[in-house]
Structure formats: C-alpha cells, structure tokens
Amino acid sequence: MSRDCQNTANMEEIGRVTVGLSRCMKPLYIYHCIRKPGYVLEFSLRRDDYYRCEQCRKFGKMRTIVIRDSAVVAGTKHPEDDHHADCQAVLETGKNHNTITNNNKAKPCKINTAKIGWNY
C-alpha cells in the first residue's frame, strides 16, 4: 500500500458544504459540522479558493478553509478547529440560509448611487 493511501485511510472525515448566496449575492458556503451534528458554520469568499468564517470575522479573527469544486480541501487543520473562542456553530434550522435554488433568490444589497456618481 502506498504512503498516500495509508494517510487517506487514517484521515478524519472533513464534512460537506452546501452553496448559498449572501445578502450581497456573493458565494456563501454552509459547512455542516461533523463533530456537532445538526450545526453549521458559514464561510464567505475571501480570495481565490479561500473562504473565511463569518462568525470569526465578526470577532476579528481570520479562520479560512480552502474549497474547490464545492468540496473542502484537506489541510493541516480540521475546518472546525482553531476558531475564535466566542465563535459558535449555529443550529442548521436556526438560521435562514439563502441556498441557491430557483424558488429562493437572495435579495441584492442596496447601493448608494449618489456617492458613486451614477444618475438614475
């Protein structure tokens, strides 16, 4: 058995993500926790394939994970580790997530056109 196969066999399951949209129509990934079933964490696009935890951002901490092709890429830390001390996963049904479906469209953010100089 190759070394890579041995490492993958011993790895902890990472979890699954569902794609959604933030209020401003930006990609939002909802991570379904493995260690706390029924709870989720929200990750928004930071740059490229790096997504930032929304709860940690509110507390001034940077906790990112890598997501490619709607799957969490295995890194050195589990996605549920190393968050801010006050960052808590929320109940899956306790928050209104705007997942991408035909029936559920997220509302776009309002733009103050006076500051930008657009005349409508």
PDB file of N, CA and C in Angstrom:
ATOM      1  N   MET A   1       0.855  -1.181   0.000  1.00  0.00           N
ATOM      2  CA  MET A   1       0.000   0.000   0.000  1.00  0.00           C
ATOM      3  C   MET A   1       0.898   1.240   0.000  1.00  0.00           C
ATOM      4  N   SER A   2       0.593   2.170  -0.846  1.00  0.00           N
ATOM      5  CA  SER A   2       1.424   3.367  -0.925  1.00  0.00           C
ATOM      6  C   SER A   2       1.209   4.259   0.289  1.00  0.00           C
ATOM      7  N   ARG A   3       2.129   5.165   0.482  1.00  0.00           N
ATOM      8  CA  ARG A   3       2.068   6.071   1.628  1.00  0.00           C
ATOM      9  C   ARG A   3       0.821   6.961   1.585  1.00  0.00           C
ATOM     10  N   ASP A   4       0.464   7.460   0.382  1.00  0.00           N
ATOM     11  CA  ASP A   4      -0.707   8.312   0.239  1.00  0.00           C
ATOM     12  C   ASP A   4      -1.986   7.577   0.623  1.00  0.00           C
ATOM     13  N   CYS A   5      -2.092   6.320   0.227  1.00  0.00           N
ATOM     14  CA  CYS A   5      -3.287   5.546   0.553  1.00  0.00           C
ATOM     15  C   CYS A   5      -3.393   5.317   2.060  1.00  0.00           C
ATOM     16  N   GLN A   6      -2.268   5.095   2.717  1.00  0.00           N
ATOM     17  CA  GLN A   6      -2.289   4.894   4.166  1.00  0.00           C
ATOM     18  C   GLN A   6      -2.746   6.161   4.876  1.00  0.00           C
ATOM     19  N   ASN A   7      -2.259   7.326   4.435  1.00  0.00           N
ATOM     20  CA  ASN A   7      -2.642   8.587   5.060  1.00  0.00           C
ATOM     21  C   ASN A   7      -4.123   8.879   4.864  1.00  0.00           C
ATOM     22  N   THR A   8      -4.648   8.562   3.692  1.00  0.00           N
ATOM     23  CA  THR A   8      -6.064   8.844   3.445  1.00  0.00           C
ATOM     24  C   THR A   8      -6.958   7.908   4.246  1.00  0.00           C
ATOM     25  N   ALA A   9      -6.512   6.708   4.488  1.00  0.00           N
ATOM     26  CA  ALA A   9      -7.327   5.763   5.247  1.00  0.00           C
ATOM     27  C   ALA A   9      -7.455   6.198   6.706  1.00  0.00           C
ATOM     28  N   ASN A  10      -6.435   6.868   7.246  1.00  0.00           N
ATOM     29  CA  ASN A  10      -6.437   7.290   8.642  1.00  0.00           C
ATOM     30  C   ASN A  10      -7.022   8.683   8.851  1.00  0.00           C
ATOM     31  N   MET A  11      -7.376   9.383   7.773  1.00  0.00           N
ATOM     32  CA  MET A  11      -7.858  10.763   7.894  1.00  0.00           C
ATOM     33  C   MET A  11      -9.275  10.801   8.445  1.00  0.00           C
ATOM     34  N   GLU A  12      -9.549  11.843   9.223  1.00  0.00           N
ATOM     35  CA  GLU A  12     -10.884  12.080   9.741  1.00  0.00           C
ATOM     36  C   GLU A  12     -11.743  12.661   8.620  1.00  0.00           C
ATOM     37  N   GLU A  13     -13.033  12.339   8.631  1.00  0.00           N
ATOM     38  CA  GLU A  13     -13.934  12.877   7.624  1.00  0.00           C
ATOM     39  C   GLU A  13     -13.983  14.396   7.759  1.00  0.00           C
ATOM     40  N   ILE A  14     -13.954  15.100   6.637  1.00  0.00           N
ATOM     41  CA  ILE A  14     -13.892  16.556   6.664  1.00  0.00           C
ATOM     42  C   ILE A  14     -15.275  17.176   6.788  1.00  0.00           C
ATOM     43  N   GLY A  15     -16.256  16.653   6.118  1.00  0.00           N
ATOM     44  CA  GLY A  15     -17.594  17.229   6.160  1.00  0.00           C
ATOM     45  C   GLY A  15     -18.034  17.683   4.794  1.00  0.00           C
ATOM     46  N   ARG A  16     -19.280  18.151   4.723  1.00  0.00           N
ATOM     47  CA  ARG A  16     -19.819  18.588   3.438  1.00  0.00           C
ATOM     48  C   ARG A  16     -20.229  20.053   3.521  1.00  0.00           C
ATOM     49  N   VAL A  17     -20.277  20.671   2.353  1.00  0.00           N
ATOM     50  CA  VAL A  17     -20.702  22.062   2.276  1.00  0.00           C
ATOM     51  C   VAL A  17     -21.828  22.176   1.259  1.00  0.00           C
ATOM     52  N   THR A  18     -22.703  23.149   1.487  1.00  0.00           N
ATOM     53  CA  THR A  18     -23.723  23.480   0.503  1.00  0.00           C
ATOM     54  C   THR A  18     -23.493  24.915   0.077  1.00  0.00           C
ATOM     55  N   VAL A  19     -23.797  25.188  -1.168  1.00  0.00           N
ATOM     56  CA  VAL A  19     -23.558  26.514  -1.741  1.00  0.00           C
ATOM     57  C   VAL A  19     -24.768  27.393  -1.481  1.00  0.00           C
ATOM     58  N   GLY A  20     -24.503  28.628  -1.115  1.00  0.00           N
ATOM     59  CA  GLY A  20     -25.564  29.600  -0.922  1.00  0.00           C
ATOM     60  C   GLY A  20     -25.111  30.957  -1.401  1.00  0.00           C
ATOM     61  N   LEU A  21     -25.928  31.943  -1.160  1.00  0.00           N
ATOM     62  CA  LEU A  21     -25.604  33.319  -1.516  1.00  0.00           C
ATOM     63  C   LEU A  21     -25.788  34.200  -0.297  1.00  0.00           C
ATOM     64  N   SER A  22     -24.891  35.154  -0.132  1.00  0.00           N
ATOM     65  CA  SER A  22     -25.042  36.127   0.938  1.00  0.00           C
ATOM     66  C   SER A  22     -26.072  37.164   0.508  1.00  0.00           C
ATOM     67  N   ARG A  23     -26.370  38.101   1.386  1.00  0.00           N
ATOM     68  CA  ARG A  23     -27.311  39.167   1.039  1.00  0.00           C
ATOM     69  C   ARG A  23     -26.845  39.961  -0.172  1.00  0.00           C
ATOM     70  N   CYS A  24     -25.535  40.044  -0.362  1.00  0.00           N
ATOM     71  CA  CYS A  24     -24.971  40.821  -1.467  1.00  0.00           C
ATOM     72  C   CYS A  24     -24.693  39.959  -2.696  1.00  0.00           C
ATOM     73  N   MET A  25     -25.335  38.771  -2.752  1.00  0.00           N
ATOM     74  CA  MET A  25     -25.224  37.859  -3.890  1.00  0.00           C
ATOM     75  C   MET A  25     -23.801  37.346  -4.089  1.00  0.00           C
ATOM     76  N   LYS A  26     -23.035  37.233  -3.012  1.00  0.00           N
ATOM     77  CA  LYS A  26     -21.693  36.665  -3.084  1.00  0.00           C
ATOM     78  C   LYS A  26     -21.759  35.211  -2.637  1.00  0.00           C
ATOM     79  N   PRO A  27     -20.822  34.364  -3.111  1.00  0.00           N
ATOM     80  CA  PRO A  27     -20.844  32.951  -2.723  1.00  0.00           C
ATOM     81  C   PRO A  27     -20.719  32.789  -1.211  1.00  0.00           C
ATOM     82  N   LEU A  28     -21.531  31.907  -0.663  1.00  0.00           N
ATOM     83  CA  LEU A  28     -21.509  31.614   0.765  1.00  0.00           C
ATOM     84  C   LEU A  28     -21.586  30.103   0.901  1.00  0.00           C
ATOM     85  N   TYR A  29     -20.599  29.517   1.557  1.00  0.00           N
ATOM     86  CA  TYR A  29     -20.605  28.079   1.764  1.00  0.00           C
ATOM     87  C   TYR A  29     -21.049  27.792   3.178  1.00  0.00           C
ATOM     88  N   ILE A  30     -21.987  26.878   3.315  1.00  0.00           N
ATOM     89  CA  ILE A  30     -22.502  26.480   4.613  1.00  0.00           C
ATOM     90  C   ILE A  30     -21.903  25.118   4.924  1.00  0.00           C
ATOM     91  N   TYR A  31     -21.006  25.092   5.905  1.00  0.00           N
ATOM     92  CA  TYR A  31     -20.297  23.875   6.287  1.00  0.00           C
ATOM     93  C   TYR A  31     -21.113  23.130   7.340  1.00  0.00           C
ATOM     94  N   HIS A  32     -21.437  21.883   7.076  1.00  0.00           N
ATOM     95  CA  HIS A  32     -22.204  21.052   8.005  1.00  0.00           C
ATOM     96  C   HIS A  32     -21.221  20.323   8.919  1.00  0.00           C
ATOM     97  N   CYS A  33     -21.248  20.656  10.191  1.00  0.00           N
ATOM     98  CA  CYS A  33     -20.286  20.151  11.170  1.00  0.00           C
ATOM     99  C   CYS A  33     -20.378  18.638  11.329  1.00  0.00           C
ATOM    100  N   ILE A  34     -19.218  18.008  11.459  1.00  0.00           N
ATOM    101  CA  ILE A  34     -19.121  16.571  11.709  1.00  0.00           C
ATOM    102  C   ILE A  34     -19.127  16.315  13.216  1.00  0.00           C
ATOM    103  N   ARG A  35     -18.393  17.119  13.942  1.00  0.00           N
ATOM    104  CA  ARG A  35     -18.253  16.926  15.393  1.00  0.00           C
ATOM    105  C   ARG A  35     -19.486  17.359  16.171  1.00  0.00           C
ATOM    106  N   LYS A  36     -20.277  18.265  15.608  1.00  0.00           N
ATOM    107  CA  LYS A  36     -21.531  18.718  16.227  1.00  0.00           C
ATOM    108  C   LYS A  36     -22.637  18.552  15.192  1.00  0.00           C
ATOM    109  N   PRO A  37     -23.165  17.343  15.041  1.00  0.00           N
ATOM    110  CA  PRO A  37     -24.203  17.122  14.022  1.00  0.00           C
ATOM    111  C   PRO A  37     -25.404  18.045  14.228  1.00  0.00           C
ATOM    112  N   GLY A  38     -25.933  18.552  13.129  1.00  0.00           N
ATOM    113  CA  GLY A  38     -27.073  19.459  13.190  1.00  0.00           C
ATOM    114  C   GLY A  38     -26.677  20.921  13.272  1.00  0.00           C
ATOM    115  N   TYR A  39     -25.377  21.214  13.315  1.00  0.00           N
ATOM    116  CA  TYR A  39     -24.876  22.589  13.385  1.00  0.00           C
ATOM    117  C   TYR A  39     -24.116  22.926  12.114  1.00  0.00           C
ATOM    118  N   VAL A  40     -24.056  24.220  11.803  1.00  0.00           N
ATOM    119  CA  VAL A  40     -23.370  24.677  10.596  1.00  0.00           C
ATOM    120  C   VAL A  40     -22.499  25.896  10.897  1.00  0.00           C
ATOM    121  N   LEU A  41     -21.504  26.107  10.036  1.00  0.00           N
ATOM    122  CA  LEU A  41     -20.667  27.307  10.040  1.00  0.00           C
ATOM    123  C   LEU A  41     -20.759  27.928   8.650  1.00  0.00           C
ATOM    124  N   GLU A  42     -20.733  29.253   8.577  1.00  0.00           N
ATOM    125  CA  GLU A  42     -20.819  29.955   7.299  1.00  0.00           C
ATOM    126  C   GLU A  42     -19.435  30.459   6.898  1.00  0.00           C
ATOM    127  N   PHE A  43     -19.080  30.236   5.647  1.00  0.00           N
ATOM    128  CA  PHE A  43     -17.810  30.700   5.105  1.00  0.00           C
ATOM    129  C   PHE A  43     -18.081  31.510   3.853  1.00  0.00           C
ATOM    130  N   SER A  44     -17.526  32.727   3.796  1.00  0.00           N
ATOM    131  CA  SER A  44     -17.700  33.591   2.627  1.00  0.00           C
ATOM    132  C   SER A  44     -16.371  33.715   1.889  1.00  0.00           C
ATOM    133  N   LEU A  45     -16.442  34.074   0.621  1.00  0.00           N
ATOM    134  CA  LEU A  45     -15.261  34.168  -0.230  1.00  0.00           C
ATOM    135  C   LEU A  45     -14.310  35.252   0.274  1.00  0.00           C
ATOM    136  N   ARG A  46     -13.062  34.878   0.434  1.00  0.00           N
ATOM    137  CA  ARG A  46     -12.031  35.845   0.791  1.00  0.00           C
ATOM    138  C   ARG A  46     -11.213  36.179  -0.448  1.00  0.00           C
ATOM    139  N   ARG A  47     -10.612  35.165  -1.050  1.00  0.00           N
ATOM    140  CA  ARG A  47      -9.885  35.315  -2.320  1.00  0.00           C
ATOM    141  C   ARG A  47      -9.655  33.934  -2.917  1.00  0.00           C
ATOM    142  N   ASP A  48      -9.641  33.845  -4.205  1.00  0.00           N
ATOM    143  CA  ASP A  48      -9.419  32.592  -4.934  1.00  0.00           C
ATOM    144  C   ASP A  48     -10.276  31.458  -4.359  1.00  0.00           C
ATOM    145  N   ASP A  49      -9.622  30.454  -3.779  1.00  0.00           N
ATOM    146  CA  ASP A  49     -10.326  29.294  -3.216  1.00  0.00           C
ATOM    147  C   ASP A  49     -10.427  29.374  -1.698  1.00  0.00           C
ATOM    148  N   TYR A  50     -10.020  30.484  -1.112  1.00  0.00           N
ATOM    149  CA  TYR A  50     -10.008  30.630   0.348  1.00  0.00           C
ATOM    150  C   TYR A  50     -11.315  31.267   0.821  1.00  0.00           C
ATOM    151  N   TYR A  51     -11.940  30.620   1.784  1.00  0.00           N
ATOM    152  CA  TYR A  51     -13.202  31.096   2.346  1.00  0.00           C
ATOM    153  C   TYR A  51     -13.024  31.357   3.832  1.00  0.00           C
ATOM    154  N   ARG A  52     -13.586  32.468   4.310  1.00  0.00           N
ATOM    155  CA  ARG A  52     -13.404  32.951   5.672  1.00  0.00           C
ATOM    156  C   ARG A  52     -14.650  32.691   6.514  1.00  0.00           C
ATOM    157  N   CYS A  53     -14.447  32.258   7.765  1.00  0.00           N
ATOM    158  CA  CYS A  53     -15.557  32.015   8.678  1.00  0.00           C
ATOM    159  C   CYS A  53     -16.217  33.350   9.026  1.00  0.00           C
ATOM    160  N   GLU A  54     -17.528  33.417   8.828  1.00  0.00           N
ATOM    161  CA  GLU A  54     -18.264  34.659   9.080  1.00  0.00           C
ATOM    162  C   GLU A  54     -18.337  34.999  10.571  1.00  0.00           C
ATOM    163  N   GLN A  55     -18.499  34.010  11.430  1.00  0.00           N
ATOM    164  CA  GLN A  55     -18.561  34.274  12.870  1.00  0.00           C
ATOM    165  C   GLN A  55     -17.220  34.789  13.372  1.00  0.00           C
ATOM    166  N   CYS A  56     -16.126  34.163  12.964  1.00  0.00           N
ATOM    167  CA  CYS A  56     -14.789  34.610  13.381  1.00  0.00           C
ATOM    168  C   CYS A  56     -14.511  36.032  12.900  1.00  0.00           C
ATOM    169  N   ARG A  57     -14.977  36.339  11.692  1.00  0.00           N
ATOM    170  CA  ARG A  57     -14.769  37.683  11.137  1.00  0.00           C
ATOM    171  C   ARG A  57     -15.402  38.734  12.042  1.00  0.00           C
ATOM    172  N   LYS A  58     -16.569  38.440  12.598  1.00  0.00           N
ATOM    173  CA  LYS A  58     -17.246  39.382  13.493  1.00  0.00           C
ATOM    174  C   LYS A  58     -16.448  39.626  14.765  1.00  0.00           C
ATOM    175  N   PHE A  59     -15.644  38.635  15.169  1.00  0.00           N
ATOM    176  CA  PHE A  59     -14.838  38.767  16.380  1.00  0.00           C
ATOM    177  C   PHE A  59     -13.402  39.186  16.083  1.00  0.00           C
ATOM    178  N   GLY A  60     -13.091  39.473  14.827  1.00  0.00           N
ATOM    179  CA  GLY A  60     -11.771  39.971  14.468  1.00  0.00           C
ATOM    180  C   GLY A  60     -10.716  38.900  14.270  1.00  0.00           C
ATOM    181  N   LYS A  61     -11.104  37.651  14.036  1.00  0.00           N
ATOM    182  CA  LYS A  61     -10.144  36.579  13.804  1.00  0.00           C
ATOM    183  C   LYS A  61     -10.269  36.100  12.363  1.00  0.00           C
ATOM    184  N   MET A  62      -9.152  35.679  11.805  1.00  0.00           N
ATOM    185  CA  MET A  62      -9.136  35.177  10.440  1.00  0.00           C
ATOM    186  C   MET A  62      -9.023  33.658  10.483  1.00  0.00           C
ATOM    187  N   ARG A  63     -10.108  32.954  10.151  1.00  0.00           N
ATOM    188  CA  ARG A  63     -10.090  31.496  10.065  1.00  0.00           C
ATOM    189  C   ARG A  63     -10.579  31.142   8.672  1.00  0.00           C
ATOM    190  N   THR A  64      -9.691  30.583   7.850  1.00  0.00           N
ATOM    191  CA  THR A  64     -10.039  30.275   6.472  1.00  0.00           C
ATOM    192  C   THR A  64      -9.937  28.776   6.206  1.00  0.00           C
ATOM    193  N   ILE A  65     -10.699  28.340   5.219  1.00  0.00           N
ATOM    194  CA  ILE A  65     -10.590  26.982   4.698  1.00  0.00           C
ATOM    195  C   ILE A  65     -10.517  27.090   3.178  1.00  0.00           C
ATOM    196  N   VAL A  66     -10.048  26.030   2.542  1.00  0.00           N
ATOM    197  CA  VAL A  66      -9.947  26.004   1.086  1.00  0.00           C
ATOM    198  C   VAL A  66     -11.084  25.132   0.560  1.00  0.00           C
ATOM    199  N   ILE A  67     -11.841  25.692  -0.400  1.00  0.00           N
ATOM    200  CA  ILE A  67     -12.937  24.955  -1.023  1.00  0.00           C
ATOM    201  C   ILE A  67     -12.725  24.986  -2.530  1.00  0.00           C
ATOM    202  N   ARG A  68     -12.683  23.789  -3.138  1.00  0.00           N
ATOM    203  CA  ARG A  68     -12.564  23.664  -4.595  1.00  0.00           C
ATOM    204  C   ARG A  68     -13.644  22.709  -5.083  1.00  0.00           C
ATOM    205  N   ASP A  69     -14.331  23.080  -6.130  1.00  0.00           N
ATOM    206  CA  ASP A  69     -15.394  22.256  -6.719  1.00  0.00           C
ATOM    207  C   ASP A  69     -16.427  21.848  -5.674  1.00  0.00           C
ATOM    208  N   SER A  70     -16.828  22.793  -4.836  1.00  0.00           N
ATOM    209  CA  SER A  70     -17.833  22.593  -3.781  1.00  0.00           C
ATOM    210  C   SER A  70     -17.456  21.498  -2.793  1.00  0.00           C
ATOM    211  N   ALA A  71     -16.156  21.320  -2.564  1.00  0.00           N
ATOM    212  CA  ALA A  71     -15.682  20.347  -1.576  1.00  0.00           C
ATOM    213  C   ALA A  71     -14.564  20.977  -0.762  1.00  0.00           C
ATOM    214  N   VAL A  72     -14.534  20.681   0.532  1.00  0.00           N
ATOM    215  CA  VAL A  72     -13.490  21.193   1.412  1.00  0.00           C
ATOM    216  C   VAL A  72     -12.208  20.432   1.122  1.00  0.00           C
ATOM    217  N   VAL A  73     -11.115  21.148   0.900  1.00  0.00           N
ATOM    218  CA  VAL A  73      -9.814  20.534   0.639  1.00  0.00           C
ATOM    219  C   VAL A  73      -9.141  20.253   1.979  1.00  0.00           C
ATOM    220  N   ALA A  74      -8.643  19.057   2.132  1.00  0.00           N
ATOM    221  CA  ALA A  74      -7.982  18.665   3.377  1.00  0.00           C
ATOM    222  C   ALA A  74      -6.726  19.499   3.576  1.00  0.00           C
ATOM    223  N   GLY A  75      -6.608  20.061   4.761  1.00  0.00           N
ATOM    224  CA  GLY A  75      -5.436  20.862   5.104  1.00  0.00           C
ATOM    225  C   GLY A  75      -4.804  20.326   6.371  1.00  0.00           C
ATOM    226  N   THR A  76      -4.030  21.155   7.051  1.00  0.00           N
ATOM    227  CA  THR A  76      -3.379  20.709   8.278  1.00  0.00           C
ATOM    228  C   THR A  76      -4.339  20.724   9.460  1.00  0.00           C
ATOM    229  N   LYS A  77      -5.408  21.525   9.380  1.00  0.00           N
ATOM    230  CA  LYS A  77      -6.383  21.615  10.471  1.00  0.00           C
ATOM    231  C   LYS A  77      -7.759  21.187   9.976  1.00  0.00           C
ATOM    232  N   HIS A  78      -8.539  20.635  10.873  1.00  0.00           N
ATOM    233  CA  HIS A  78      -9.933  20.309  10.568  1.00  0.00           C
ATOM    234  C   HIS A  78     -10.707  21.629  10.479  1.00  0.00           C
ATOM    235  N   PRO A  79     -11.708  21.744   9.602  1.00  0.00           N
ATOM    236  CA  PRO A  79     -12.456  23.006   9.457  1.00  0.00           C
ATOM    237  C   PRO A  79     -13.120  23.498  10.745  1.00  0.00           C
ATOM    238  N   GLU A  80     -13.336  22.617  11.717  1.00  0.00           N
ATOM    239  CA  GLU A  80     -13.983  23.024  12.963  1.00  0.00           C
ATOM    240  C   GLU A  80     -12.978  23.421  14.046  1.00  0.00           C
ATOM    241  N   ASP A  81     -11.682  23.318  13.756  1.00  0.00           N
ATOM    242  CA  ASP A  81     -10.645  23.660  14.730  1.00  0.00           C
ATOM    243  C   ASP A  81     -10.172  25.096  14.559  1.00  0.00           C
ATOM    244  N   ASP A  82      -9.608  25.643  15.658  1.00  0.00           N
ATOM    245  CA  ASP A  82      -8.897  26.926  15.655  1.00  0.00           C
ATOM    246  C   ASP A  82      -9.776  28.128  15.286  1.00  0.00           C
ATOM    247  N   HIS A  83     -11.021  28.120  15.724  1.00  0.00           N
ATOM    248  CA  HIS A  83     -11.878  29.286  15.547  1.00  0.00           C
ATOM    249  C   HIS A  83     -11.720  30.203  16.752  1.00  0.00           C
ATOM    250  N   HIS A  84     -12.276  31.404  16.672  1.00  0.00           N
ATOM    251  CA  HIS A  84     -12.274  32.335  17.801  1.00  0.00           C
ATOM    252  C   HIS A  84     -12.989  31.673  18.978  1.00  0.00           C
ATOM    253  N   ALA A  85     -12.590  32.022  20.193  1.00  0.00           N
ATOM    254  CA  ALA A  85     -13.172  31.405  21.389  1.00  0.00           C
ATOM    255  C   ALA A  85     -14.685  31.618  21.464  1.00  0.00           C
ATOM    256  N   ASP A  86     -15.182  32.746  20.963  1.00  0.00           N
ATOM    257  CA  ASP A  86     -16.616  33.044  21.005  1.00  0.00           C
ATOM    258  C   ASP A  86     -17.364  32.590  19.749  1.00  0.00           C
ATOM    259  N   CYS A  87     -16.650  32.072  18.766  1.00  0.00           N
ATOM    260  CA  CYS A  87     -17.272  31.603  17.527  1.00  0.00           C
ATOM    261  C   CYS A  87     -17.985  30.287  17.804  1.00  0.00           C
ATOM    262  N   GLN A  88     -19.278  30.258  17.574  1.00  0.00           N
ATOM    263  CA  GLN A  88     -20.078  29.062  17.807  1.00  0.00           C
ATOM    264  C   GLN A  88     -20.826  28.689  16.536  1.00  0.00           C
ATOM    265  N   ALA A  89     -20.872  27.400  16.261  1.00  0.00           N
ATOM    266  CA  ALA A  89     -21.682  26.921  15.144  1.00  0.00           C
ATOM    267  C   ALA A  89     -23.152  27.134  15.504  1.00  0.00           C
ATOM    268  N   VAL A  90     -23.969  27.427  14.499  1.00  0.00           N
ATOM    269  CA  VAL A  90     -25.395  27.668  14.738  1.00  0.00           C
ATOM    270  C   VAL A  90     -26.195  26.451  14.312  1.00  0.00           C
ATOM    271  N   LEU A  91     -27.375  26.303  14.892  1.00  0.00           N
ATOM    272  CA  LEU A  91     -28.256  25.201  14.508  1.00  0.00           C
ATOM    273  C   LEU A  91     -28.583  25.292  13.024  1.00  0.00           C
ATOM    274  N   GLU A  92     -28.615  24.158  12.386  1.00  0.00           N
ATOM    275  CA  GLU A  92     -28.867  24.128  10.943  1.00  0.00           C
ATOM    276  C   GLU A  92     -30.225  24.729  10.605  1.00  0.00           C
ATOM    277  N   THR A  93     -31.206  24.523  11.447  1.00  0.00           N
ATOM    278  CA  THR A  93     -32.541  25.062  11.194  1.00  0.00           C
ATOM    279  C   THR A  93     -32.743  26.416  11.850  1.00  0.00           C
ATOM    280  N   GLY A  94     -31.782  26.872  12.655  1.00  0.00           N
ATOM    281  CA  GLY A  94     -31.938  28.108  13.398  1.00  0.00           C
ATOM    282  C   GLY A  94     -31.627  29.360  12.614  1.00  0.00           C
ATOM    283  N   LYS A  95     -31.100  29.232  11.393  1.00  0.00           N
ATOM    284  CA  LYS A  95     -30.731  30.391  10.611  1.00  0.00           C
ATOM    285  C   LYS A  95     -31.332  30.293   9.225  1.00  0.00           C
ATOM    286  N   ASN A  96     -31.681  31.417   8.660  1.00  0.00           N
ATOM    287  CA  ASN A  96     -32.271  31.437   7.330  1.00  0.00           C
ATOM    288  C   ASN A  96     -31.159  31.542   6.303  1.00  0.00           C
ATOM    289  N   HIS A  97     -30.772  30.411   5.713  1.00  0.00           N
ATOM    290  CA  HIS A  97     -29.704  30.396   4.717  1.00  0.00           C
ATOM    291  C   HIS A  97     -30.310  30.556   3.335  1.00  0.00           C
ATOM    292  N   ASN A  98     -29.683  31.363   2.518  1.00  0.00           N
ATOM    293  CA  ASN A  98     -30.138  31.568   1.147  1.00  0.00           C
ATOM    294  C   ASN A  98     -29.397  30.612   0.229  1.00  0.00           C
ATOM    295  N   THR A  99     -29.857  29.365   0.169  1.00  0.00           N
ATOM    296  CA  THR A  99     -29.230  28.410  -0.727  1.00  0.00           C
ATOM    297  C   THR A  99     -29.688  28.679  -2.145  1.00  0.00           C
ATOM    298  N   ILE A 100     -28.874  28.281  -3.095  1.00  0.00           N
ATOM    299  CA  ILE A 100     -29.171  28.570  -4.490  1.00  0.00           C
ATOM    300  C   ILE A 100     -30.221  27.574  -5.001  1.00  0.00           C
ATOM    301  N   THR A 101     -31.408  28.048  -5.225  1.00  0.00           N
ATOM    302  CA  THR A 101     -32.471  27.268  -5.862  1.00  0.00           C
ATOM    303  C   THR A 101     -33.257  28.222  -6.740  1.00  0.00           C
ATOM    304  N   ASN A 102     -34.099  27.677  -7.577  1.00  0.00           N
ATOM    305  CA  ASN A 102     -34.933  28.525  -8.429  1.00  0.00           C
ATOM    306  C   ASN A 102     -36.006  29.231  -7.618  1.00  0.00           C
ATOM    307  N   ASN A 103     -36.454  28.607  -6.526  1.00  0.00           N
ATOM    308  CA  ASN A 103     -37.533  29.175  -5.728  1.00  0.00           C
ATOM    309  C   ASN A 103     -37.056  30.232  -4.752  1.00  0.00           C
ATOM    310  N   ASN A 104     -35.791  30.208  -4.392  1.00  0.00           N
ATOM    311  CA  ASN A 104     -35.299  31.081  -3.333  1.00  0.00           C
ATOM    312  C   ASN A 104     -34.175  31.962  -3.859  1.00  0.00           C
ATOM    313  N   LYS A 105     -34.466  33.183  -4.190  1.00  0.00           N
ATOM    314  CA  LYS A 105     -33.463  34.126  -4.687  1.00  0.00           C
ATOM    315  C   LYS A 105     -33.088  35.097  -3.577  1.00  0.00           C
ATOM    316  N   ALA A 106     -31.810  35.335  -3.406  1.00  0.00           N
ATOM    317  CA  ALA A 106     -31.353  36.284  -2.389  1.00  0.00           C
ATOM    318  C   ALA A 106     -31.616  37.705  -2.880  1.00  0.00           C
ATOM    319  N   LYS A 107     -31.871  38.602  -1.948  1.00  0.00           N
ATOM    320  CA  LYS A 107     -32.119  39.996  -2.295  1.00  0.00           C
ATOM    321  C   LYS A 107     -30.793  40.723  -2.457  1.00  0.00           C
ATOM    322  N   PRO A 108     -30.622  41.503  -3.532  1.00  0.00           N
ATOM    323  CA  PRO A 108     -29.360  42.225  -3.718  1.00  0.00           C
ATOM    324  C   PRO A 108     -29.219  43.358  -2.705  1.00  0.00           C
ATOM    325  N   CYS A 109     -27.963  43.703  -2.418  1.00  0.00           N
ATOM    326  CA  CYS A 109     -27.689  44.807  -1.493  1.00  0.00           C
ATOM    327  C   CYS A 109     -28.034  46.136  -2.154  1.00  0.00           C
ATOM    328  N   LYS A 110     -28.405  47.103  -1.344  1.00  0.00           N
ATOM    329  CA  LYS A 110     -28.689  48.440  -1.858  1.00  0.00           C
ATOM    330  C   LYS A 110     -27.381  49.191  -2.050  1.00  0.00           C
ATOM    331  N   ILE A 111     -27.288  49.932  -3.117  1.00  0.00           N
ATOM    332  CA  ILE A 111     -26.103  50.728  -3.414  1.00  0.00           C
ATOM    333  C   ILE A 111     -26.491  52.193  -3.376  1.00  0.00           C
ATOM    334  N   ASN A 112     -25.722  52.971  -2.662  1.00  0.00           N
ATOM    335  CA  ASN A 112     -25.966  54.410  -2.623  1.00  0.00           C
ATOM    336  C   ASN A 112     -25.376  55.014  -3.890  1.00  0.00           C
ATOM    337  N   THR A 113     -26.224  55.258  -4.884  1.00  0.00           N
ATOM    338  CA  THR A 113     -25.750  55.740  -6.187  1.00  0.00           C
ATOM    339  C   THR A 113     -25.278  57.182  -6.129  1.00  0.00           C
ATOM    340  N   ALA A 114     -25.705  57.953  -5.145  1.00  0.00           N
ATOM    341  CA  ALA A 114     -25.272  59.349  -5.036  1.00  0.00           C
ATOM    342  C   ALA A 114     -23.776  59.438  -4.770  1.00  0.00           C
ATOM    343  N   LYS A 115     -23.241  58.517  -3.945  1.00  0.00           N
ATOM    344  CA  LYS A 115     -21.819  58.550  -3.613  1.00  0.00           C
ATOM    345  C   LYS A 115     -20.960  58.136  -4.804  1.00  0.00           C
ATOM    346  N   ILE A 116     -21.492  57.251  -5.645  1.00  0.00           N
ATOM    347  CA  ILE A 116     -20.726  56.741  -6.762  1.00  0.00           C
ATOM    348  C   ILE A 116     -20.764  57.716  -7.942  1.00  0.00           C
ATOM    349  N   GLY A 117     -21.845  58.459  -8.039  1.00  0.00           N
ATOM    350  CA  GLY A 117     -21.970  59.412  -9.133  1.00  0.00           C
ATOM    351  C   GLY A 117     -22.846  58.906 -10.265  1.00  0.00           C
ATOM    352  N   TRP A 118     -23.577  57.820 -10.023  1.00  0.00           N
ATOM    353  CA  TRP A 118     -24.490  57.318 -11.038  1.00  0.00           C
ATOM    354  C   TRP A 118     -25.791  58.103 -10.959  1.00  0.00           C
ATOM    355  N   ASN A 119     -26.345  58.404 -12.085  1.00  0.00           N
ATOM    356  CA  ASN A 119     -27.627  59.116 -12.129  1.00  0.00           C
ATOM    357  C   ASN A 119     -28.709  58.187 -12.656  1.00  0.00           C
ATOM    358  N   TYR A 120     -29.663  57.857 -11.796  1.00  0.00           N
ATOM    359  CA  TYR A 120     -30.775  57.015 -12.216  1.00  0.00           C
ATOM    360  C   TYR A 120     -32.065  57.751 -12.019  1.00  0.00           C
TER     361      TYR A 120
END
